[in-house]
Amino acid sequence: MTREFSNVRKIASGPAFWLSAAVVAFGAWALATPSAAQEGIKIPPPAIDAPAQGNSEVAVLAGGCFWGVQGVFQHVEGVANAVSGYAGGDKQTAQYKVVGSGATGHAESVKVTFDPSKISYGQILQIYFSVAHDPTQLNRQGPDTGTQYRSTIFPADAEQAKVAKAYVAQLDKAKVFDAAIATTIEPGRAFYKAEDYHQDFLTLNPTYPYIVYNDLPKIENLKRLFPDRYRSDPVLVSEAKASN
C-alpha cells in the first residue's frame, strides 16, 4: 500500500486490533478513490500446460498484497493449502516490517499446494492472471506500491518456468489485456512463510476495509468466471495445520 496508508493496512505482531480513527480515515479515502479491485476478465487457458507429477504440487505466486491472493486460492477446488509468505529475497529479511521497505528483493507471495489430478499448474496460472490480480501493473497492485507488491511467478522447476513464459507470451500476443503483462518469472527463489497473523486474513477479517474494498470482489469474480473451480468453503492454513 502507498506509504501514507501503510499503518492502516499493517496489523500488530500480536492479536489483530482496530484503531477506529484509522479505519474511518481509510474508509473515507477508499470511497473517494477509484476502485482498486481488479474487475476480473475471462481469459483463454494456456496452450501449453505442465504434466501432472505425483499427487501434490506447489505453485508460488506474487500479485500484490498476499491477503487477497491467498483468499482467492483458498476458494479453488483442488487446492489443498495456500500459505502467505515471502519470496525473492534472503531468509533473514523475510519479515513483514522489513519486506515493507521494498529493499529486500522479496515479494509478498502465496505458496499454493494443489492436486494436479484435479487442477493443473496452467489452470492455477489462468486464475492467477484472471482474477487474483492485475498482471499489467508494474511494481504495484491497486493502492499498494513497491517491488514487494510486484507481479511475479516463482517456478518450482524448468517445466513450470516453461509453462509460465509460454502463457505470458500467449496472452500478450492475443492482447487479452489493455497493456503488456508486467509479470516477471524468477526461478530458484525460496519461499518463507509469513507471520501467523497474516494467515487466513481474508476469511478471519471479512469486514476489514482493505479486504472489503480490494479483495472480496476477487472472490466474487472467481465464482463468476470459474464456477466449476469455485469452492464455497475455503481451505484454511489453520485447518491444514490441525490435520497434520
Protein backbone atom coordinates (compact mmCIF):
# COMPACT_ATOMS: atom_id res chain seq x y z
CA MET A 1 0.00 0.00 0.00
CA THR A 2 1.18 3.53 -0.57
CA ARG A 3 3.35 4.54 2.37
CA GLU A 4 0.92 7.11 3.79
CA PHE A 5 -1.61 4.32 4.34
CA SER A 6 0.85 1.62 5.45
CA ASN A 7 -0.11 1.89 9.12
CA VAL A 8 -3.76 1.30 8.25
CA ARG A 9 -3.02 -1.94 6.47
CA LYS A 10 -0.40 -3.06 8.97
CA ILE A 11 -1.62 -5.04 11.98
CA ALA A 12 0.12 -5.70 15.27
CA SER A 13 2.58 -8.53 15.65
CA GLY A 14 0.27 -9.88 18.35
CA PRO A 15 -3.51 -10.32 18.01
CA ALA A 16 -5.12 -8.12 15.33
CA PHE A 17 -6.62 -4.92 16.66
CA TRP A 18 -8.64 -1.95 15.40
CA LEU A 19 -7.79 1.69 15.52
CA SER A 20 -11.15 3.31 14.90
CA ALA A 21 -9.79 6.62 13.65
CA ALA A 22 -7.52 4.87 11.14
CA VAL A 23 -10.36 2.67 9.91
CA VAL A 24 -12.64 5.66 9.39
CA ALA A 25 -9.88 7.53 7.59
CA PHE A 26 -9.17 4.57 5.33
CA GLY A 27 -12.85 4.10 4.54
CA ALA A 28 -13.20 7.76 3.58
CA TRP A 29 -10.12 7.53 1.36
CA ALA A 30 -11.37 4.33 -0.28
CA LEU A 31 -14.75 5.80 -1.11
CA ALA A 32 -13.13 8.84 -2.68
CA THR A 33 -10.71 6.82 -4.78
CA PRO A 34 -11.37 4.83 -7.99
CA SER A 35 -11.81 1.14 -7.25
CA ALA A 36 -8.53 -0.67 -6.73
CA ALA A 37 -10.11 -4.09 -7.09
CA GLN A 38 -9.49 -5.84 -10.37
CA GLU A 39 -12.70 -6.41 -12.27
CA GLY A 40 -11.70 -9.89 -13.36
CA ILE A 41 -11.70 -10.88 -17.02
CA LYS A 42 -12.23 -14.08 -18.92
CA ILE A 43 -9.00 -15.30 -20.50
CA PRO A 44 -8.14 -18.42 -22.51
CA PRO A 45 -6.46 -21.37 -20.81
CA PRO A 46 -2.75 -21.92 -21.51
CA ALA A 47 -1.97 -23.61 -24.80
CA ILE A 48 0.96 -25.35 -23.10
CA ASP A 49 0.48 -26.94 -19.69
CA ALA A 50 2.62 -28.95 -17.30
CA PRO A 51 2.05 -32.70 -16.97
CA ALA A 52 0.97 -33.94 -13.56
CA GLN A 53 3.83 -35.03 -11.32
CA GLY A 54 2.59 -37.08 -8.39
CA ASN A 55 -0.48 -36.21 -6.34
CA SER A 56 0.72 -32.93 -4.88
CA GLU A 57 2.47 -29.95 -6.47
CA VAL A 58 3.30 -26.40 -5.48
CA ALA A 59 2.98 -23.04 -7.23
CA VAL A 60 4.44 -19.86 -5.71
CA LEU A 61 2.83 -16.67 -6.96
CA ALA A 62 3.03 -12.97 -6.12
CA GLY A 63 0.42 -10.41 -7.09
CA GLY A 64 0.19 -7.56 -4.60
CA CYS A 65 -0.97 -7.96 -1.02
CA PHE A 66 -0.91 -11.64 -0.12
CA TRP A 67 -4.19 -11.43 1.79
CA GLY A 68 -6.25 -11.35 -1.41
CA VAL A 69 -4.16 -13.81 -3.43
CA GLN A 70 -4.30 -16.32 -0.59
CA GLY A 71 -8.02 -15.76 -0.23
CA VAL A 72 -8.67 -16.46 -3.90
CA PHE A 73 -6.78 -19.75 -3.98
CA GLN A 74 -8.31 -20.93 -0.72
CA HIS A 75 -11.60 -20.96 -2.63
CA VAL A 76 -10.27 -23.03 -5.56
CA GLU A 77 -11.21 -26.69 -5.93
CA GLY A 78 -8.14 -28.91 -6.00
CA VAL A 79 -6.10 -26.60 -3.77
CA ALA A 80 -5.04 -28.31 -0.55
CA ASN A 81 -3.41 -25.29 1.06
CA ALA A 82 -2.48 -21.68 0.32
CA VAL A 83 0.06 -20.03 2.59
CA SER A 84 1.04 -16.36 2.66
CA GLY A 85 4.75 -15.60 2.72
CA TYR A 86 7.72 -14.00 1.04
CA ALA A 87 9.88 -14.99 -1.93
CA GLY A 88 12.66 -13.35 -3.90
CA GLY A 89 14.99 -12.38 -1.06
CA ASP A 90 17.03 -13.90 1.75
CA LYS A 91 15.74 -15.80 4.77
CA GLN A 92 16.93 -13.20 7.28
CA THR A 93 14.87 -10.44 5.64
CA ALA A 94 11.67 -12.49 5.31
CA GLN A 95 9.84 -10.41 7.92
CA TYR A 96 6.80 -8.22 7.29
CA LYS A 97 8.23 -4.98 8.67
CA VAL A 98 11.50 -5.45 6.76
CA VAL A 99 9.89 -6.55 3.47
CA GLY A 100 7.73 -3.42 3.64
CA SER A 101 10.82 -1.29 2.98
CA GLY A 102 10.84 -2.53 -0.61
CA ALA A 103 14.60 -3.09 -0.42
CA THR A 104 14.80 -6.82 0.37
CA GLY A 105 14.08 -8.32 -3.05
CA HIS A 106 11.12 -10.12 -1.54
CA ALA A 107 7.57 -10.01 -2.91
CA GLU A 108 4.52 -10.80 -0.82
CA SER A 109 3.76 -14.25 -2.17
CA VAL A 110 1.46 -17.24 -1.76
CA LYS A 111 2.52 -20.88 -1.83
CA VAL A 112 -0.32 -22.86 -3.39
CA THR A 113 -0.30 -26.62 -2.83
CA PHE A 114 -2.61 -28.39 -5.26
CA ASP A 115 -3.65 -31.80 -6.55
CA PRO A 116 -2.67 -31.93 -10.27
CA SER A 117 -5.29 -34.63 -10.90
CA LYS A 118 -7.93 -32.01 -10.07
CA ILE A 119 -6.36 -28.78 -11.32
CA SER A 120 -3.26 -28.28 -13.43
CA TYR A 121 -0.44 -25.79 -12.98
CA GLY A 122 -1.63 -23.97 -16.11
CA GLN A 123 -5.15 -23.70 -14.69
CA ILE A 124 -3.69 -22.25 -11.48
CA LEU A 125 -1.97 -19.62 -13.63
CA GLN A 126 -5.21 -18.91 -15.50
CA ILE A 127 -6.93 -18.00 -12.23
CA TYR A 128 -3.87 -16.02 -11.13
CA PHE A 129 -3.91 -13.85 -14.26
CA SER A 130 -7.69 -13.60 -14.50
CA VAL A 131 -8.97 -12.81 -11.01
CA ALA A 132 -6.19 -12.91 -8.37
CA HIS A 133 -4.51 -9.69 -9.51
CA ASP A 134 -3.88 -7.32 -12.43
CA PRO A 135 -0.72 -8.56 -14.18
CA THR A 136 -0.23 -5.34 -16.17
CA GLN A 137 0.68 -3.24 -13.12
CA LEU A 138 4.43 -2.80 -12.64
CA ASN A 139 5.74 -2.92 -9.07
CA ARG A 140 2.33 -2.17 -7.64
CA GLN A 141 -1.17 -3.56 -7.23
CA GLY A 142 -4.03 -1.16 -6.77
CA PRO A 143 -3.19 1.09 -3.80
CA ASP A 144 -0.06 -0.91 -2.89
CA THR A 145 3.22 0.32 -4.39
CA GLY A 146 6.77 -1.02 -4.33
CA THR A 147 8.68 -4.02 -5.64
CA GLN A 148 7.33 -6.07 -2.72
CA TYR A 149 3.95 -5.91 -4.49
CA ARG A 150 5.23 -6.90 -7.93
CA SER A 151 3.57 -9.48 -10.15
CA THR A 152 5.88 -12.47 -10.11
CA ILE A 153 5.84 -16.21 -10.71
CA PHE A 154 8.42 -18.25 -8.80
CA PRO A 155 8.55 -21.55 -10.76
CA ALA A 156 9.44 -24.69 -8.85
CA ASP A 157 11.28 -26.21 -11.81
CA ALA A 158 12.12 -25.78 -15.50
CA GLU A 159 8.74 -27.22 -16.58
CA GLN A 160 6.80 -24.62 -14.59
CA ALA A 161 9.05 -21.86 -15.94
CA LYS A 162 8.41 -23.05 -19.49
CA VAL A 163 4.62 -23.06 -19.00
CA ALA A 164 4.64 -19.62 -17.34
CA LYS A 165 6.78 -18.00 -20.05
CA ALA A 166 4.67 -19.52 -22.82
CA TYR A 167 1.43 -18.38 -21.17
CA VAL A 168 2.62 -14.79 -20.74
CA ALA A 169 3.63 -14.73 -24.43
CA GLN A 170 0.28 -16.27 -25.43
CA LEU A 171 -1.76 -13.70 -23.51
CA ASP A 172 0.36 -10.78 -24.73
CA LYS A 173 0.10 -11.93 -28.34
CA ALA A 174 -3.67 -12.25 -28.05
CA LYS A 175 -3.83 -8.76 -26.48
CA VAL A 176 -6.07 -10.09 -23.73
CA PHE A 177 -5.20 -7.12 -21.53
CA ASP A 178 -5.16 -3.43 -22.40
CA ALA A 179 -1.44 -3.25 -21.62
CA ALA A 180 1.54 -5.59 -21.74
CA ILE A 181 1.89 -8.10 -18.92
CA ALA A 182 4.43 -6.94 -16.33
CA THR A 183 4.75 -10.30 -14.58
CA THR A 184 8.32 -11.44 -14.00
CA ILE A 185 9.41 -15.07 -13.79
CA GLU A 186 12.04 -15.65 -11.13
CA PRO A 187 13.26 -19.24 -10.78
CA GLY A 188 15.40 -20.61 -7.98
CA ARG A 189 13.94 -18.49 -5.18
CA ALA A 190 12.99 -19.92 -1.80
CA PHE A 191 9.62 -19.29 -0.15
CA TYR A 192 9.35 -18.27 3.50
CA LYS A 193 6.08 -18.45 5.41
CA ALA A 194 4.73 -15.14 6.72
CA GLU A 195 3.82 -14.44 10.30
CA ASP A 196 0.81 -16.32 11.69
CA TYR A 197 -1.31 -13.16 11.96
CA HIS A 198 -1.25 -12.84 8.15
CA GLN A 199 -2.60 -16.35 7.53
CA ASP A 200 -6.29 -16.73 6.61
CA PHE A 201 -6.63 -12.96 6.96
CA LEU A 202 -9.40 -12.55 4.39
CA THR A 203 -11.61 -15.20 5.98
CA LEU A 204 -10.96 -14.03 9.54
CA ASN A 205 -11.44 -10.33 8.76
CA PRO A 206 -14.24 -10.08 6.14
CA THR A 207 -15.27 -6.58 7.29
CA TYR A 208 -11.76 -5.09 7.33
CA PRO A 209 -11.97 -2.10 4.95
CA TYR A 210 -8.96 -3.13 2.86
CA ILE A 211 -10.41 -6.61 2.39
CA VAL A 212 -13.91 -5.35 1.56
CA TYR A 213 -12.66 -2.86 -0.98
CA ASN A 214 -9.80 -4.72 -2.66
CA ASP A 215 -10.18 -8.46 -2.10
CA LEU A 216 -13.77 -9.63 -1.65
CA PRO A 217 -14.54 -8.63 -5.27
CA LYS A 218 -11.86 -11.10 -6.35
CA ILE A 219 -13.72 -13.94 -4.66
CA GLU A 220 -16.90 -12.93 -6.47
CA ASN A 221 -15.01 -12.81 -9.76
CA LEU A 222 -13.66 -16.30 -9.13
CA LYS A 223 -17.18 -17.57 -8.51
CA ARG A 224 -18.48 -15.81 -11.63
CA LEU A 225 -15.71 -16.67 -14.09
CA PHE A 226 -14.73 -20.11 -12.77
CA PRO A 227 -17.92 -21.62 -11.33
CA ASP A 228 -16.59 -25.15 -11.84
CA ARG A 229 -13.42 -24.27 -9.92
CA TYR A 230 -15.03 -22.35 -7.07
CA ARG A 231 -15.47 -23.86 -3.61
CA SER A 232 -17.65 -22.00 -1.13
CA ASP A 233 -15.80 -23.22 1.96
CA PRO A 234 -12.18 -22.05 1.89
CA VAL A 235 -9.32 -24.38 2.78
CA LEU A 236 -7.58 -22.61 5.65
CA VAL A 237 -3.99 -22.73 6.88
CA SER A 238 -5.24 -23.28 10.42
CA GLU A 239 -7.27 -26.30 9.31
CA ALA A 240 -4.41 -27.76 7.30
CA LYS A 241 -2.11 -27.40 10.34
CA ALA A 242 -4.67 -29.10 12.59
CA SER A 243 -4.98 -32.07 10.21
CA ASN A 244 -1.23 -32.72 10.15
